[in-house]
N, C-alpha and C. Protein backbone atom coordinates (compact mmCIF):
# COMPACT_ATOMS: atom_id res chain seq x y z
N MET A 1 157.23 142.30 11.22
CA MET A 1 158.25 142.66 10.24
C MET A 1 159.54 143.02 11.01
N THR A 2 160.64 142.49 10.56
CA THR A 2 161.90 142.76 11.23
C THR A 2 162.63 143.90 10.54
N THR A 3 163.47 144.55 11.32
CA THR A 3 164.24 145.67 10.79
C THR A 3 165.63 145.18 10.40
N PRO A 4 166.33 145.92 9.56
CA PRO A 4 167.70 145.54 9.21
C PRO A 4 168.61 145.48 10.45
N TYR A 5 168.38 146.38 11.40
CA TYR A 5 169.18 146.37 12.63
C TYR A 5 168.97 145.06 13.39
N PHE A 6 167.71 144.65 13.51
CA PHE A 6 167.41 143.41 14.21
C PHE A 6 168.05 142.22 13.50
N ASN A 7 167.95 142.19 12.17
CA ASN A 7 168.55 141.09 11.40
C ASN A 7 170.06 141.04 11.60
N GLU A 8 170.70 142.21 11.63
CA GLU A 8 172.15 142.26 11.85
C GLU A 8 172.51 141.77 13.24
N GLN A 9 171.73 142.16 14.24
CA GLN A 9 171.97 141.71 15.61
C GLN A 9 171.79 140.20 15.72
N LEU A 10 170.78 139.68 15.07
CA LEU A 10 170.52 138.25 15.08
C LEU A 10 171.66 137.50 14.40
N ALA A 11 172.13 138.00 13.27
CA ALA A 11 173.25 137.37 12.56
C ALA A 11 174.52 137.42 13.41
N GLN A 12 174.73 138.53 14.09
CA GLN A 12 175.92 138.66 14.94
C GLN A 12 175.85 137.68 16.11
N ALA A 13 174.69 137.53 16.71
CA ALA A 13 174.53 136.58 17.82
C ALA A 13 174.75 135.15 17.33
N HIS A 14 174.26 134.84 16.13
CA HIS A 14 174.43 133.50 15.57
C HIS A 14 175.92 133.22 15.30
N ARG A 15 176.62 134.21 14.76
CA ARG A 15 178.06 134.04 14.53
C ARG A 15 178.79 133.79 15.84
N GLN A 16 178.38 134.50 16.89
CA GLN A 16 179.01 134.32 18.20
C GLN A 16 178.80 132.90 18.72
N VAL A 17 177.61 132.38 18.56
CA VAL A 17 177.32 131.00 18.98
C VAL A 17 178.17 130.02 18.20
N LEU A 18 178.29 130.23 16.89
CA LEU A 18 179.10 129.34 16.06
C LEU A 18 180.57 129.39 16.48
N LEU A 19 181.07 130.58 16.80
CA LEU A 19 182.46 130.71 17.26
C LEU A 19 182.67 129.99 18.59
N GLN A 20 181.71 130.11 19.50
CA GLN A 20 181.82 129.42 20.78
C GLN A 20 181.82 127.91 20.60
N GLU A 21 180.97 127.41 19.70
CA GLU A 21 180.94 125.97 19.44
C GLU A 21 182.26 125.50 18.85
N ALA A 22 182.83 126.29 17.95
CA ALA A 22 184.12 125.92 17.35
C ALA A 22 185.22 125.91 18.42
N GLN A 23 185.20 126.87 19.33
CA GLN A 23 186.19 126.90 20.40
C GLN A 23 186.04 125.68 21.31
N GLN A 24 184.81 125.30 21.61
CA GLN A 24 184.58 124.12 22.45
C GLN A 24 185.09 122.86 21.76
N GLU A 25 184.87 122.75 20.47
CA GLU A 25 185.35 121.58 19.74
C GLU A 25 186.87 121.54 19.73
N GLN A 26 187.51 122.71 19.58
CA GLN A 26 188.96 122.75 19.61
C GLN A 26 189.50 122.33 20.98
N LEU A 27 188.84 122.78 22.04
CA LEU A 27 189.27 122.37 23.38
C LEU A 27 189.07 120.88 23.60
N LEU A 28 187.98 120.34 23.08
CA LEU A 28 187.71 118.91 23.23
C LEU A 28 188.76 118.08 22.51
N VAL A 29 189.19 118.54 21.34
CA VAL A 29 190.21 117.83 20.58
C VAL A 29 191.54 117.82 21.35
N GLN A 30 191.80 118.88 22.11
CA GLN A 30 193.06 118.99 22.85
C GLN A 30 193.10 118.11 24.09
N LEU A 31 191.95 117.60 24.53
CA LEU A 31 191.93 116.74 25.72
C LEU A 31 192.64 115.42 25.42
N PRO A 32 193.24 114.84 26.45
CA PRO A 32 193.84 113.52 26.26
C PRO A 32 192.75 112.52 25.86
N PRO A 33 193.12 111.50 25.07
CA PRO A 33 192.11 110.54 24.58
C PRO A 33 191.29 109.90 25.70
N SER A 34 191.91 109.55 26.79
CA SER A 34 191.17 108.88 27.86
C SER A 34 190.09 109.80 28.43
N ARG A 35 190.39 111.07 28.52
CA ARG A 35 189.41 112.02 29.03
C ARG A 35 188.30 112.25 28.02
N HIS A 36 188.67 112.30 26.77
CA HIS A 36 187.69 112.49 25.70
C HIS A 36 186.68 111.34 25.71
N ILE A 37 187.16 110.13 25.86
CA ILE A 37 186.29 108.96 25.90
C ILE A 37 185.39 109.02 27.13
N SER A 38 185.95 109.46 28.25
CA SER A 38 185.15 109.57 29.48
C SER A 38 184.00 110.54 29.29
N ILE A 39 184.28 111.67 28.66
CA ILE A 39 183.23 112.66 28.42
C ILE A 39 182.16 112.09 27.50
N GLN A 40 182.58 111.37 26.46
CA GLN A 40 181.61 110.75 25.56
C GLN A 40 180.78 109.71 26.30
N TYR A 41 181.40 108.95 27.17
CA TYR A 41 180.69 107.92 27.94
C TYR A 41 179.65 108.55 28.86
N ILE A 42 180.04 109.62 29.53
CA ILE A 42 179.12 110.30 30.44
C ILE A 42 177.96 110.91 29.65
N THR A 43 178.27 111.53 28.53
CA THR A 43 177.22 112.13 27.70
C THR A 43 176.26 111.07 27.19
N ALA A 44 176.78 109.95 26.74
CA ALA A 44 175.92 108.86 26.25
C ALA A 44 175.05 108.32 27.38
N GLY A 45 175.62 108.19 28.57
CA GLY A 45 174.85 107.70 29.71
C GLY A 45 173.72 108.65 30.08
N LEU A 46 174.01 109.94 30.09
CA LEU A 46 172.98 110.92 30.42
C LEU A 46 171.89 110.95 29.35
N THR A 47 172.27 110.80 28.11
CA THR A 47 171.28 110.78 27.03
C THR A 47 170.38 109.56 27.16
N SER A 48 170.96 108.41 27.42
CA SER A 48 170.16 107.19 27.60
C SER A 48 169.22 107.32 28.78
N PHE A 49 169.73 107.88 29.86
CA PHE A 49 168.92 108.08 31.06
C PHE A 49 167.73 109.00 30.74
N SER A 50 168.00 110.10 30.03
CA SER A 50 166.95 111.04 29.68
C SER A 50 165.88 110.38 28.81
N LEU A 51 166.31 109.58 27.85
CA LEU A 51 165.36 108.89 26.98
C LEU A 51 164.53 107.88 27.77
N ALA A 52 165.16 107.18 28.70
CA ALA A 52 164.44 106.21 29.51
C ALA A 52 163.40 106.91 30.39
N ILE A 53 163.78 108.04 30.97
CA ILE A 53 162.83 108.79 31.80
C ILE A 53 161.65 109.26 30.95
N GLY A 54 161.95 109.76 29.74
CA GLY A 54 160.87 110.20 28.85
C GLY A 54 159.93 109.08 28.48
N ALA A 55 160.49 107.91 28.20
CA ALA A 55 159.66 106.76 27.84
C ALA A 55 158.79 106.34 29.03
N ARG A 56 159.38 106.33 30.20
CA ARG A 56 158.63 105.95 31.41
C ARG A 56 157.53 106.98 31.70
N TRP A 57 157.85 108.25 31.51
CA TRP A 57 156.87 109.31 31.74
C TRP A 57 155.67 109.14 30.81
N LYS A 58 155.92 108.77 29.56
CA LYS A 58 154.82 108.55 28.62
C LYS A 58 153.94 107.39 29.06
N GLN A 59 154.55 106.37 29.68
CA GLN A 59 153.77 105.24 30.15
C GLN A 59 152.89 105.62 31.34
N LEU A 60 153.35 106.58 32.13
CA LEU A 60 152.61 106.97 33.33
C LEU A 60 151.45 107.93 33.04
N ILE A 61 151.51 108.64 31.92
CA ILE A 61 150.45 109.57 31.57
C ILE A 61 149.25 108.77 31.09
N PRO A 62 148.08 109.00 31.69
CA PRO A 62 146.89 108.28 31.21
C PRO A 62 146.64 108.58 29.73
N ARG A 63 146.21 107.56 29.02
CA ARG A 63 146.03 107.69 27.57
C ARG A 63 145.05 108.80 27.20
N ARG A 64 144.03 109.03 27.96
CA ARG A 64 143.05 110.04 27.59
C ARG A 64 143.62 111.45 27.69
N GLU A 65 144.70 111.64 28.44
CA GLU A 65 145.30 112.96 28.57
C GLU A 65 146.35 113.22 27.51
N ARG A 66 146.77 112.20 26.81
CA ARG A 66 147.80 112.36 25.78
C ARG A 66 147.25 113.15 24.60
N VAL A 67 148.12 113.96 24.01
CA VAL A 67 147.77 114.70 22.81
C VAL A 67 148.24 113.88 21.62
N PRO A 68 147.40 113.65 20.62
CA PRO A 68 147.83 112.86 19.46
C PRO A 68 149.01 113.53 18.77
N SER A 69 149.97 112.73 18.32
CA SER A 69 151.16 113.27 17.69
C SER A 69 150.89 113.71 16.25
N ASP A 70 149.89 113.17 15.61
CA ASP A 70 149.58 113.55 14.22
C ASP A 70 148.19 114.12 14.14
């Protein structure tokens, strides 16, 4: 059971995270377009790389050790 104090602290921390995200978005919008595109390109590349590593990792795990997803 949570206390009202805990709930208030949790709400305050969540608001802080939302404010930080909004500030980051504002800073990103202020970047020159060429830099903004570069950041998107790098992020997309890292995401693709991470997905490829995950897919390869699944192939390397022996089937008997896998946990069923459903």
